[in-house]
Amino acid sequence: MYTREFVRRVSDETHLSERLISEMLTASMKVVRESLKSGQQVRFPGFGVFYTRQQPPGKLKSISTGKVVAVAARRVAAFRVGATLKKAVLKK
């Protein structure tokens, strides 16, 4: 599902304008991004946790050249699924 469809469905569910939902989504993503940038976790009980973790240095093979390239250690964004969401996805 793309953002446009997501906004449309939330708008239908809440009876709020698509423009308002889009602005709220943009603001929410900005808050999550800034929180992760500053090292904070963002928790949504039952849904999951956005957090950062340290990726160790390593070596990767370049697809275009076939050469092995060294990759420096870096901080990456991660998401841990909450129990309620996990159960909902498992149900058919």
Protein backbone atom coordinates (compact mmCIF):
# COMPACT_ATOMS: atom_id res chain seq x y z
CA MET A 1 0.00 0.00 0.00
CA TYR A 2 1.31 3.42 -0.92
CA THR A 3 0.94 6.59 1.14
CA ARG A 4 -1.93 7.91 -0.98
CA GLU A 5 -4.03 4.80 -0.38
CA PHE A 6 -3.13 4.80 3.31
CA VAL A 7 -4.25 8.43 3.64
CA ARG A 8 -7.48 7.69 1.79
CA ARG A 9 -8.30 4.71 4.01
CA VAL A 10 -7.56 6.57 7.24
CA SER A 11 -9.68 9.46 5.98
CA ASP A 12 -12.58 7.08 5.28
CA GLU A 13 -12.19 5.49 8.72
CA THR A 14 -11.99 8.76 10.67
CA HIS A 15 -14.17 10.99 8.46
CA LEU A 16 -11.38 13.60 8.47
CA SER A 17 -10.09 15.26 5.32
CA GLU A 18 -7.35 13.58 3.31
CA ARG A 19 -5.34 16.80 3.52
CA LEU A 20 -5.47 16.77 7.33
CA ILE A 21 -4.53 13.09 7.47
CA SER A 22 -1.64 13.69 5.06
CA GLU A 23 -0.33 16.60 7.17
CA MET A 24 -0.63 14.51 10.33
CA LEU A 25 1.20 11.61 8.72
CA THR A 26 3.99 13.91 7.50
CA ALA A 27 4.34 15.45 10.96
CA SER A 28 4.33 12.02 12.62
CA MET A 29 7.07 10.72 10.36
CA LYS A 30 9.11 13.86 11.05
CA VAL A 31 8.81 13.31 14.82
CA VAL A 32 9.84 9.65 14.48
CA ARG A 33 12.78 10.59 12.23
CA GLU A 34 14.00 13.33 14.61
CA SER A 35 13.61 11.07 17.65
CA LEU A 36 15.65 8.29 16.04
CA LYS A 37 18.25 10.82 14.92
CA SER A 38 18.71 11.93 18.54
CA GLY A 39 18.97 8.32 19.74
CA GLN A 40 15.49 8.00 21.26
CA GLN A 41 13.13 5.08 20.76
CA VAL A 42 9.55 5.61 19.60
CA ARG A 43 7.12 3.13 21.16
CA PHE A 44 3.59 2.37 20.04
CA PRO A 45 2.23 -0.19 22.53
CA GLY A 46 0.85 -3.23 20.73
CA PHE A 47 2.16 -1.99 17.37
CA GLY A 48 5.92 -1.90 17.84
CA VAL A 49 9.08 0.06 18.59
CA PHE A 50 11.21 2.13 16.24
CA TYR A 51 14.82 2.27 17.45
CA THR A 52 18.39 2.52 16.21
CA ARG A 53 21.13 -0.08 16.47
CA GLN A 54 24.81 -0.17 15.66
CA GLN A 55 25.71 -2.03 12.46
CA PRO A 56 29.23 -3.48 12.73
CA PRO A 57 31.83 -2.89 10.01
CA GLY A 58 32.00 -5.52 7.33
CA LYS A 59 32.74 -6.34 3.73
CA LEU A 60 30.30 -6.52 0.83
CA LYS A 61 30.68 -7.62 -2.75
CA SER A 62 29.84 -4.85 -5.23
CA ILE A 63 27.19 -6.03 -7.69
CA SER A 64 28.41 -3.80 -10.51
CA THR A 65 32.17 -4.46 -10.25
CA GLY A 66 32.35 -7.75 -8.37
CA LYS A 67 35.00 -6.29 -6.04
CA VAL A 68 34.85 -6.65 -2.26
CA VAL A 69 34.21 -3.30 -0.61
CA ALA A 70 34.81 -2.42 3.06
CA VAL A 71 31.79 -0.91 4.82
CA ALA A 72 32.29 1.22 7.93
CA ALA A 73 30.31 0.73 11.15
CA ARG A 74 27.12 2.77 11.16
CA ARG A 75 23.91 3.38 13.04
CA VAL A 76 20.77 2.07 11.32
CA ALA A 77 17.03 2.38 11.96
CA ALA A 78 15.18 -0.76 13.04
CA PHE A 79 11.65 -1.81 13.99
CA ARG A 80 10.54 -4.46 16.48
CA VAL A 81 6.96 -5.69 15.99
CA GLY A 82 4.61 -5.52 18.99
CA ALA A 83 2.67 -8.53 20.26
CA THR A 84 -0.77 -7.29 19.18
CA LEU A 85 0.37 -6.59 15.62
CA LYS A 86 2.22 -9.90 15.47
CA LYS A 87 -0.93 -11.80 16.51
CA ALA A 88 -3.09 -9.87 14.03
CA VAL A 89 -0.78 -10.73 11.13
CA LEU A 90 -0.67 -14.42 12.08
CA LYS A 91 -4.49 -14.72 12.05
CA LYS A 92 -6.02 -15.53 8.69
